[in-house]
Amino acid sequence: MIKITRRGKKAWVTFTAPYTDCENVMLKGSWNDWEPEAMKQKKNGEFYLMKILPIGRSYEFGYLVDGQWTAEEDLPAVPTPFGSRNALLEL
């Protein structure tokens, strides 16, 4: 699930990965050359991370869940050269 709050030329984007039966979730995206970022775990077991991103751009991203790549289900998907798919976030 994605929550977006726009303020001026930036957006505060909260990524929430609803995976509660795993140990580790990393967020990877085109905004930082696909460097993995550890997501924090909520008391209910979900993982989240907030990013501040410029508006007027598109970003591809996905979650690395215990080493397995998965894309956000609530957004359009684009194919990757690796045979998987990325979620597409348009701000």
N, C-alpha and C. Protein backbone atom coordinates (compact mmCIF):
# COMPACT_ATOMS: atom_id res chain seq x y z
N MET A 1 0.84 -1.17 0.00
CA MET A 1 0.00 0.00 0.00
C MET A 1 0.90 1.24 0.00
N ILE A 2 0.47 2.25 -0.74
CA ILE A 2 1.23 3.48 -0.87
C ILE A 2 0.37 4.65 -0.38
N LYS A 3 0.93 5.49 0.46
CA LYS A 3 0.27 6.73 0.87
C LYS A 3 1.13 7.89 0.39
N ILE A 4 0.52 8.84 -0.33
CA ILE A 4 1.24 9.97 -0.91
C ILE A 4 0.66 11.27 -0.37
N THR A 5 1.54 12.14 0.15
CA THR A 5 1.15 13.48 0.57
C THR A 5 2.01 14.46 -0.21
N ARG A 6 1.38 15.25 -1.07
CA ARG A 6 2.10 16.20 -1.91
C ARG A 6 2.19 17.55 -1.21
N ARG A 7 3.41 18.13 -1.24
CA ARG A 7 3.64 19.46 -0.67
C ARG A 7 4.60 20.19 -1.59
N GLY A 8 4.08 21.15 -2.34
CA GLY A 8 4.94 21.89 -3.26
C GLY A 8 5.49 20.99 -4.35
N LYS A 9 6.80 20.97 -4.50
CA LYS A 9 7.45 20.18 -5.54
C LYS A 9 7.93 18.82 -5.05
N LYS A 10 7.52 18.44 -3.84
CA LYS A 10 7.93 17.15 -3.27
C LYS A 10 6.72 16.36 -2.79
N ALA A 11 6.92 15.06 -2.68
CA ALA A 11 5.88 14.18 -2.16
C ALA A 11 6.47 13.31 -1.06
N TRP A 12 5.72 13.20 0.02
CA TRP A 12 6.09 12.29 1.09
C TRP A 12 5.36 10.99 0.79
N VAL A 13 6.13 9.95 0.49
CA VAL A 13 5.55 8.67 0.07
C VAL A 13 5.85 7.63 1.15
N THR A 14 4.79 7.05 1.70
CA THR A 14 4.96 5.99 2.68
C THR A 14 4.65 4.66 2.00
N PHE A 15 5.66 3.81 1.94
CA PHE A 15 5.53 2.48 1.36
C PHE A 15 5.22 1.52 2.51
N THR A 16 4.14 0.75 2.39
CA THR A 16 3.80 -0.25 3.40
C THR A 16 3.70 -1.60 2.71
N ALA A 17 4.55 -2.51 3.12
CA ALA A 17 4.56 -3.86 2.56
C ALA A 17 3.80 -4.77 3.52
N PRO A 18 2.69 -5.36 3.09
CA PRO A 18 1.84 -6.14 3.99
C PRO A 18 2.33 -7.58 4.22
N TYR A 19 3.62 -7.74 4.34
CA TYR A 19 4.17 -9.08 4.54
C TYR A 19 4.48 -9.25 6.02
N THR A 20 3.69 -10.06 6.70
CA THR A 20 3.86 -10.22 8.14
C THR A 20 4.53 -11.53 8.51
N ASP A 21 4.68 -12.44 7.58
CA ASP A 21 5.26 -13.75 7.87
C ASP A 21 6.68 -13.86 7.34
N CYS A 22 7.43 -12.76 7.45
CA CYS A 22 8.82 -12.76 6.97
C CYS A 22 9.70 -12.06 7.99
N GLU A 23 11.00 -12.16 7.78
CA GLU A 23 11.95 -11.56 8.72
C GLU A 23 12.54 -10.25 8.24
N ASN A 24 12.64 -10.07 6.91
CA ASN A 24 13.37 -8.93 6.39
C ASN A 24 12.72 -8.43 5.09
N VAL A 25 12.43 -7.14 5.02
CA VAL A 25 11.91 -6.54 3.79
C VAL A 25 12.77 -5.32 3.46
N MET A 26 13.26 -5.28 2.23
CA MET A 26 14.05 -4.16 1.74
C MET A 26 13.27 -3.48 0.62
N LEU A 27 13.35 -2.15 0.56
CA LEU A 27 12.75 -1.37 -0.52
C LEU A 27 13.86 -1.00 -1.48
N LYS A 28 13.63 -1.26 -2.77
CA LYS A 28 14.61 -0.89 -3.80
C LYS A 28 13.89 -0.13 -4.89
N GLY A 29 14.51 0.97 -5.36
CA GLY A 29 13.85 1.76 -6.38
C GLY A 29 14.80 2.55 -7.25
N SER A 30 14.23 3.07 -8.33
CA SER A 30 15.03 3.83 -9.29
C SER A 30 15.47 5.19 -8.76
N TRP A 31 14.87 5.67 -7.68
CA TRP A 31 15.24 6.98 -7.12
C TRP A 31 16.65 7.00 -6.54
N ASN A 32 17.21 5.83 -6.21
CA ASN A 32 18.56 5.80 -5.64
C ASN A 32 19.42 4.70 -6.27
N ASP A 33 19.23 4.48 -7.56
CA ASP A 33 20.01 3.47 -8.30
C ASP A 33 19.85 2.07 -7.71
N TRP A 34 18.67 1.77 -7.20
CA TRP A 34 18.31 0.43 -6.74
C TRP A 34 19.09 -0.04 -5.51
N GLU A 35 19.59 0.89 -4.72
CA GLU A 35 20.25 0.52 -3.47
C GLU A 35 19.18 0.07 -2.47
N PRO A 36 19.36 -1.09 -1.84
CA PRO A 36 18.35 -1.58 -0.90
C PRO A 36 18.30 -0.73 0.37
N GLU A 37 17.08 -0.49 0.84
CA GLU A 37 16.86 0.25 2.08
C GLU A 37 15.99 -0.60 3.00
N ALA A 38 16.47 -0.84 4.21
CA ALA A 38 15.73 -1.66 5.16
C ALA A 38 14.44 -0.97 5.57
N MET A 39 13.35 -1.71 5.55
CA MET A 39 12.06 -1.19 5.99
C MET A 39 11.89 -1.50 7.48
N LYS A 40 11.17 -0.63 8.19
CA LYS A 40 10.93 -0.79 9.62
C LYS A 40 9.67 -1.63 9.80
N GLN A 41 9.65 -2.41 10.88
CA GLN A 41 8.50 -3.26 11.14
C GLN A 41 7.57 -2.64 12.18
N LYS A 42 6.28 -2.63 11.86
CA LYS A 42 5.25 -2.14 12.78
C LYS A 42 4.90 -3.23 13.79
N LYS A 43 4.16 -2.86 14.81
CA LYS A 43 3.72 -3.84 15.81
C LYS A 43 2.84 -4.92 15.20
N ASN A 44 2.07 -4.56 14.14
CA ASN A 44 1.19 -5.55 13.50
C ASN A 44 1.94 -6.47 12.54
N GLY A 45 3.24 -6.27 12.39
CA GLY A 45 4.06 -7.13 11.55
C GLY A 45 4.35 -6.59 10.17
N GLU A 46 3.58 -5.59 9.70
CA GLU A 46 3.82 -4.99 8.39
C GLU A 46 5.12 -4.19 8.41
N PHE A 47 5.68 -4.00 7.23
CA PHE A 47 6.91 -3.22 7.10
C PHE A 47 6.60 -1.92 6.38
N TYR A 48 7.29 -0.83 6.76
CA TYR A 48 7.04 0.47 6.13
C TYR A 48 8.34 1.28 6.03
N LEU A 49 8.30 2.26 5.13
CA LEU A 49 9.41 3.21 4.97
C LEU A 49 8.86 4.44 4.26
N MET A 50 9.24 5.61 4.74
CA MET A 50 8.81 6.87 4.13
C MET A 50 9.96 7.49 3.36
N LYS A 51 9.65 7.95 2.14
CA LYS A 51 10.64 8.62 1.28
C LYS A 51 10.09 9.97 0.86
N ILE A 52 10.96 10.94 0.66
CA ILE A 52 10.59 12.23 0.11
C ILE A 52 11.13 12.27 -1.31
N LEU A 53 10.22 12.38 -2.30
CA LEU A 53 10.60 12.29 -3.70
C LEU A 53 10.08 13.50 -4.48
N PRO A 54 10.82 13.93 -5.51
CA PRO A 54 10.35 15.04 -6.36
C PRO A 54 9.10 14.65 -7.15
N ILE A 55 8.18 15.61 -7.27
CA ILE A 55 6.97 15.42 -8.06
C ILE A 55 7.30 15.66 -9.54
N GLY A 56 6.49 15.06 -10.42
CA GLY A 56 6.67 15.23 -11.86
C GLY A 56 7.55 14.17 -12.49
N ARG A 57 7.81 13.09 -11.76
CA ARG A 57 8.65 12.01 -12.27
C ARG A 57 7.96 10.67 -12.02
N SER A 58 8.45 9.66 -12.72
CA SER A 58 7.99 8.29 -12.51
C SER A 58 9.13 7.49 -11.90
N TYR A 59 8.78 6.57 -11.03
CA TYR A 59 9.78 5.75 -10.35
C TYR A 59 9.36 4.29 -10.42
N GLU A 60 10.31 3.41 -10.67
CA GLU A 60 10.09 1.98 -10.58
C GLU A 60 10.65 1.51 -9.24
N PHE A 61 9.98 0.52 -8.64
CA PHE A 61 10.45 0.01 -7.36
C PHE A 61 9.88 -1.38 -7.11
N GLY A 62 10.38 -1.99 -6.06
CA GLY A 62 9.86 -3.27 -5.61
C GLY A 62 10.38 -3.57 -4.22
N TYR A 63 9.92 -4.70 -3.69
CA TYR A 63 10.31 -5.13 -2.36
C TYR A 63 11.14 -6.41 -2.47
N LEU A 64 12.18 -6.49 -1.68
CA LEU A 64 12.97 -7.71 -1.55
C LEU A 64 12.55 -8.34 -0.22
N VAL A 65 11.71 -9.37 -0.30
CA VAL A 65 11.12 -9.99 0.88
C VAL A 65 11.85 -11.30 1.16
N ASP A 66 12.64 -11.30 2.22
CA ASP A 66 13.46 -12.47 2.55
C ASP A 66 14.21 -12.99 1.32
N GLY A 67 14.73 -12.06 0.52
CA GLY A 67 15.52 -12.41 -0.65
C GLY A 67 14.75 -12.63 -1.93
N GLN A 68 13.41 -12.57 -1.88
CA GLN A 68 12.57 -12.79 -3.06
C GLN A 68 11.99 -11.45 -3.54
N TRP A 69 12.12 -11.18 -4.85
CA TRP A 69 11.64 -9.93 -5.44
C TRP A 69 10.14 -9.96 -5.64
N THR A 70 9.45 -8.88 -5.25
CA THR A 70 8.02 -8.76 -5.47
C THR A 70 7.67 -7.29 -5.71
N ALA A 71 6.63 -7.06 -6.48
CA ALA A 71 6.21 -5.69 -6.80
C ALA A 71 4.95 -5.33 -6.03
N GLU A 72 4.75 -4.05 -5.83
CA GLU A 72 3.54 -3.52 -5.19
C GLU A 72 2.32 -3.92 -6.02
N GLU A 73 1.32 -4.50 -5.38
CA GLU A 73 0.13 -5.00 -6.08
C GLU A 73 -0.83 -3.89 -6.50
N ASP A 74 -0.83 -2.76 -5.80
CA ASP A 74 -1.81 -1.71 -6.03
C ASP A 74 -1.44 -0.73 -7.14
N LEU A 75 -0.29 -0.90 -7.77
CA LEU A 75 0.17 0.01 -8.82
C LEU A 75 0.39 -0.73 -10.13
N PRO A 76 0.43 0.00 -11.25
CA PRO A 76 0.76 -0.66 -12.53
C PRO A 76 2.16 -1.29 -12.45
N ALA A 77 2.35 -2.32 -13.22
CA ALA A 77 3.63 -3.03 -13.24
C ALA A 77 4.30 -2.88 -14.60
N VAL A 78 5.62 -2.88 -14.58
CA VAL A 78 6.40 -2.84 -15.82
C VAL A 78 7.38 -4.01 -15.80
N PRO A 79 7.60 -4.65 -16.96
CA PRO A 79 8.54 -5.77 -17.00
C PRO A 79 9.98 -5.30 -16.84
N THR A 80 10.79 -6.19 -16.29
CA THR A 80 12.22 -5.90 -16.13
C THR A 80 13.02 -6.78 -17.09
N PRO A 81 14.27 -6.44 -17.33
CA PRO A 81 15.12 -7.29 -18.17
C PRO A 81 15.44 -8.64 -17.51
N PHE A 82 15.09 -8.80 -16.24
CA PHE A 82 15.42 -10.01 -15.50
C PHE A 82 14.26 -11.01 -15.45
N GLY A 83 13.16 -10.71 -16.16
CA GLY A 83 12.03 -11.61 -16.19
C GLY A 83 11.04 -11.40 -15.06
N SER A 84 11.25 -10.39 -14.25
CA SER A 84 10.31 -10.08 -13.16
C SER A 84 9.55 -8.81 -13.52
N ARG A 85 8.93 -8.18 -12.54
CA ARG A 85 8.25 -6.92 -12.80
C ARG A 85 8.51 -5.96 -11.66
N ASN A 86 8.44 -4.67 -11.97
CA ASN A 86 8.55 -3.59 -11.00
C ASN A 86 7.24 -2.85 -10.94
N ALA A 87 6.93 -2.28 -9.80
CA ALA A 87 5.79 -1.39 -9.68
C ALA A 87 6.19 -0.03 -10.24
N LEU A 88 5.22 0.68 -10.81
CA LEU A 88 5.46 2.01 -11.37
C LEU A 88 4.70 3.04 -10.56
N LEU A 89 5.45 3.95 -9.93
CA LEU A 89 4.89 5.04 -9.14
C LEU A 89 5.05 6.33 -9.92
N GLU A 90 3.95 6.98 -10.25
CA GLU A 90 3.98 8.24 -11.00
C GLU A 90 3.55 9.36 -10.07
N LEU A 91 4.43 10.33 -9.87
CA LEU A 91 4.13 11.45 -8.97
C LEU A 91 3.88 12.71 -9.76
